[in-house]
Amino acid sequence: MLIKEGDSVVVVAGNDRSDEVRSVVQVDRAKGKVLVEGVNLVWKHVRRSQKYPQGGRLSKEMPVDISNLKYYCTSCSSGVRLGVRYLDDGSKERYCKKCGSSAGKIAPAKAAYANK
């Protein structure tokens, strides 16, 4: 699962499918779900309480399956797949499979993977 919190993504499947770029709020790796800003909104009915004195219906975002999302590459200006590669110093990074641009490091350098 290469999508992380704070990434820009495009929804490619489901009711909220569009070309709009959205931001990832939270990632649940165990369930394979992602909470995306403004996607999969549902109504939560809330009883009146001290926390919610008005009560009523609240709009709430629900998690989306990660397979319904694509990472948004700023250099390609489109949704793309991500890959993983090792750099010359042995650190691991995410990269765009379309243009090859870097999407950030995900692991520190290891001597075993360094090119000598």
C-alpha atoms as a PDB file:
ATOM      1  CA  MET A   1       0.000   0.000   0.000  1.00  0.00           C
ATOM      2  CA  LEU A   2       1.935   2.986  -1.289  1.00  0.00           C
ATOM      3  CA  ILE A   3      -0.586   5.775  -0.651  1.00  0.00           C
ATOM      4  CA  LYS A   4       0.145   7.745   2.527  1.00  0.00           C
ATOM      5  CA  GLU A   5      -1.579  10.461   4.549  1.00  0.00           C
ATOM      6  CA  GLY A   6      -1.418  13.865   2.903  1.00  0.00           C
ATOM      7  CA  ASP A   7      -1.088  12.496  -0.646  1.00  0.00           C
ATOM      8  CA  SER A   8      -3.160  13.876  -3.489  1.00  0.00           C
ATOM      9  CA  VAL A   9      -5.381  11.232  -5.077  1.00  0.00           C
ATOM     10  CA  VAL A  10      -8.045  10.852  -7.782  1.00  0.00           C
ATOM     11  CA  VAL A  11     -11.119   8.651  -7.255  1.00  0.00           C
ATOM     12  CA  VAL A  12     -11.381   6.300 -10.257  1.00  0.00           C
ATOM     13  CA  ALA A  13     -14.267   4.038  -9.185  1.00  0.00           C
ATOM     14  CA  GLY A  14     -17.464   4.276  -7.186  1.00  0.00           C
ATOM     15  CA  ASN A  15     -20.198   6.875  -6.798  1.00  0.00           C
ATOM     16  CA  ASP A  16     -17.720   9.719  -6.190  1.00  0.00           C
ATOM     17  CA  ARG A  17     -15.658   9.016  -9.324  1.00  0.00           C
ATOM     18  CA  SER A  18     -14.364  12.242 -10.885  1.00  0.00           C
ATOM     19  CA  ASP A  19     -11.219  13.987 -12.117  1.00  0.00           C
ATOM     20  CA  GLU A  20     -11.049  16.153  -8.996  1.00  0.00           C
ATOM     21  CA  VAL A  21      -7.879  15.975  -6.938  1.00  0.00           C
ATOM     22  CA  ARG A  22      -8.571  15.125  -3.277  1.00  0.00           C
ATOM     23  CA  SER A  23      -6.416  14.812  -0.183  1.00  0.00           C
ATOM     24  CA  VAL A  24      -5.917  11.672   1.931  1.00  0.00           C
ATOM     25  CA  VAL A  25      -6.860  12.211   5.587  1.00  0.00           C
ATOM     26  CA  GLN A  26      -6.239   8.774   7.113  1.00  0.00           C
ATOM     27  CA  VAL A  27      -5.032   5.325   5.990  1.00  0.00           C
ATOM     28  CA  ASP A  28      -6.095   2.005   7.566  1.00  0.00           C
ATOM     29  CA  ARG A  29      -3.544  -0.523   6.295  1.00  0.00           C
ATOM     30  CA  ALA A  30      -5.100  -3.534   8.025  1.00  0.00           C
ATOM     31  CA  LYS A  31      -8.467  -3.089   6.290  1.00  0.00           C
ATOM     32  CA  GLY A  32      -7.126  -1.594   3.052  1.00  0.00           C
ATOM     33  CA  LYS A  33      -9.293   1.506   3.461  1.00  0.00           C
ATOM     34  CA  VAL A  34      -8.541   5.199   3.035  1.00  0.00           C
ATOM     35  CA  LEU A  35     -10.389   8.251   4.335  1.00  0.00           C
ATOM     36  CA  VAL A  36     -10.430  10.889   1.578  1.00  0.00           C
ATOM     37  CA  GLU A  37     -11.515  14.491   2.065  1.00  0.00           C
ATOM     38  CA  GLY A  38     -15.021  15.093   0.639  1.00  0.00           C
ATOM     39  CA  VAL A  39     -15.545  11.539  -0.685  1.00  0.00           C
ATOM     40  CA  ASN A  40     -18.176   8.960   0.340  1.00  0.00           C
ATOM     41  CA  LEU A  41     -20.243  11.347   2.479  1.00  0.00           C
ATOM     42  CA  VAL A  42     -23.047   9.847   4.578  1.00  0.00           C
ATOM     43  CA  TRP A  43     -25.585  11.267   7.009  1.00  0.00           C
ATOM     44  CA  LYS A  44     -25.096  10.440  10.678  1.00  0.00           C
ATOM     45  CA  HIS A  45     -28.192  11.031  12.790  1.00  0.00           C
ATOM     46  CA  VAL A  46     -27.240  12.502  16.155  1.00  0.00           C
ATOM     47  CA  ARG A  47     -29.421  12.710  19.243  1.00  0.00           C
ATOM     48  CA  ARG A  48     -29.379  15.951  21.205  1.00  0.00           C
ATOM     49  CA  SER A  49     -26.719  15.997  23.919  1.00  0.00           C
ATOM     50  CA  GLN A  50     -24.344  18.412  25.594  1.00  0.00           C
ATOM     51  CA  LYS A  51     -21.814  17.819  22.838  1.00  0.00           C
ATOM     52  CA  TYR A  52     -24.433  18.332  20.084  1.00  0.00           C
ATOM     53  CA  PRO A  53     -27.134  20.582  21.631  1.00  0.00           C
ATOM     54  CA  GLN A  54     -28.864  21.048  18.279  1.00  0.00           C
ATOM     55  CA  GLY A  55     -28.911  17.373  17.291  1.00  0.00           C
ATOM     56  CA  GLY A  56     -30.007  16.405  13.786  1.00  0.00           C
ATOM     57  CA  ARG A  57     -28.044  15.104  10.821  1.00  0.00           C
ATOM     58  CA  LEU A  58     -24.298  15.471  10.398  1.00  0.00           C
ATOM     59  CA  SER A  59     -22.459  14.879   7.133  1.00  0.00           C
ATOM     60  CA  LYS A  60     -19.567  12.482   7.692  1.00  0.00           C
ATOM     61  CA  GLU A  61     -16.864  10.973   5.449  1.00  0.00           C
ATOM     62  CA  MET A  62     -16.574   7.195   5.360  1.00  0.00           C
ATOM     63  CA  PRO A  63     -13.548   5.135   4.244  1.00  0.00           C
ATOM     64  CA  VAL A  64     -13.069   4.110   0.605  1.00  0.00           C
ATOM     65  CA  ASP A  65     -11.259   0.999  -0.615  1.00  0.00           C
ATOM     66  CA  ILE A  66      -7.717   1.763  -1.730  1.00  0.00           C
ATOM     67  CA  SER A  67      -8.289   0.048  -5.080  1.00  0.00           C
ATOM     68  CA  ASN A  68     -10.694   2.871  -6.019  1.00  0.00           C
ATOM     69  CA  LEU A  69      -7.939   5.508  -5.832  1.00  0.00           C
ATOM     70  CA  LYS A  70      -4.957   6.554  -7.931  1.00  0.00           C
ATOM     71  CA  TYR A  71      -2.070   8.735  -6.826  1.00  0.00           C
ATOM     72  CA  TYR A  72      -2.074  12.179  -8.480  1.00  0.00           C
ATOM     73  CA  CYS A  73       1.314  13.000 -10.026  1.00  0.00           C
ATOM     74  CA  THR A  74       1.904  16.738 -10.363  1.00  0.00           C
ATOM     75  CA  SER A  75       4.392  16.365 -13.225  1.00  0.00           C
ATOM     76  CA  CYS A  76       2.037  14.128 -15.263  1.00  0.00           C
ATOM     77  CA  SER A  77      -1.104  16.022 -14.115  1.00  0.00           C
ATOM     78  CA  SER A  78      -3.077  12.779 -13.928  1.00  0.00           C
ATOM     79  CA  GLY A  79      -3.797   9.764 -11.758  1.00  0.00           C
ATOM     80  CA  VAL A  80      -0.992   7.204 -11.948  1.00  0.00           C
ATOM     81  CA  ARG A  81       0.246   3.987 -10.413  1.00  0.00           C
ATOM     82  CA  LEU A  82       3.148   4.071  -7.992  1.00  0.00           C
ATOM     83  CA  GLY A  83       6.192   1.835  -7.927  1.00  0.00           C
ATOM     84  CA  VAL A  84       9.070   1.297  -5.524  1.00  0.00           C
ATOM     85  CA  ARG A  85      12.764   1.477  -6.381  1.00  0.00           C
ATOM     86  CA  TYR A  86      16.094   1.605  -4.571  1.00  0.00           C
ATOM     87  CA  LEU A  87      18.354   4.621  -5.030  1.00  0.00           C
ATOM     88  CA  ASP A  88      22.139   4.482  -5.345  1.00  0.00           C
ATOM     89  CA  ASP A  89      22.630   5.107  -1.615  1.00  0.00           C
ATOM     90  CA  GLY A  90      20.340   2.166  -0.718  1.00  0.00           C
ATOM     91  CA  SER A  91      17.263   4.152   0.324  1.00  0.00           C
ATOM     92  CA  LYS A  92      13.811   3.196  -0.946  1.00  0.00           C
ATOM     93  CA  GLU A  93      11.503   5.667  -2.718  1.00  0.00           C
ATOM     94  CA  ARG A  94       8.080   5.786  -4.359  1.00  0.00           C
ATOM     95  CA  TYR A  95       7.993   6.823  -8.014  1.00  0.00           C
ATOM     96  CA  CYS A  96       5.475   7.527 -10.764  1.00  0.00           C
ATOM     97  CA  LYS A  97       5.274   4.616 -13.204  1.00  0.00           C
ATOM     98  CA  LYS A  98       4.254   6.952 -16.029  1.00  0.00           C
ATOM     99  CA  CYS A  99       6.991   9.619 -15.969  1.00  0.00           C
ATOM    100  CA  GLY A 100       9.480   8.220 -13.442  1.00  0.00           C
ATOM    101  CA  SER A 101       9.421  11.223 -11.109  1.00  0.00           C
ATOM    102  CA  SER A 102       9.972  10.699  -7.387  1.00  0.00           C
ATOM    103  CA  ALA A 103       7.050  10.744  -4.929  1.00  0.00           C
ATOM    104  CA  GLY A 104       9.194  10.753  -1.779  1.00  0.00           C
ATOM    105  CA  LYS A 105      11.365   8.378   0.222  1.00  0.00           C
ATOM    106  CA  ILE A 106       9.741   5.619   2.263  1.00  0.00           C
ATOM    107  CA  ALA A 107      12.753   3.928   3.891  1.00  0.00           C
ATOM    108  CA  PRO A 108      16.204   5.053   5.021  1.00  0.00           C
ATOM    109  CA  ALA A 109      19.416   3.916   3.351  1.00  0.00           C
ATOM    110  CA  LYS A 110      20.587   0.319   3.846  1.00  0.00           C
ATOM    111  CA  ALA A 111      24.105  -0.735   2.982  1.00  0.00           C
ATOM    112  CA  ALA A 112      22.920  -4.030   1.494  1.00  0.00           C
ATOM    113  CA  TYR A 113      20.994  -2.239  -1.285  1.00  0.00           C
ATOM    114  CA  ALA A 114      23.577   0.456  -2.069  1.00  0.00           C
ATOM    115  CA  ASN A 115      25.258   0.417  -5.475  1.00  0.00           C
ATOM    116  CA  LYS A 116      29.011   0.302  -5.005  1.00  0.00           C
END
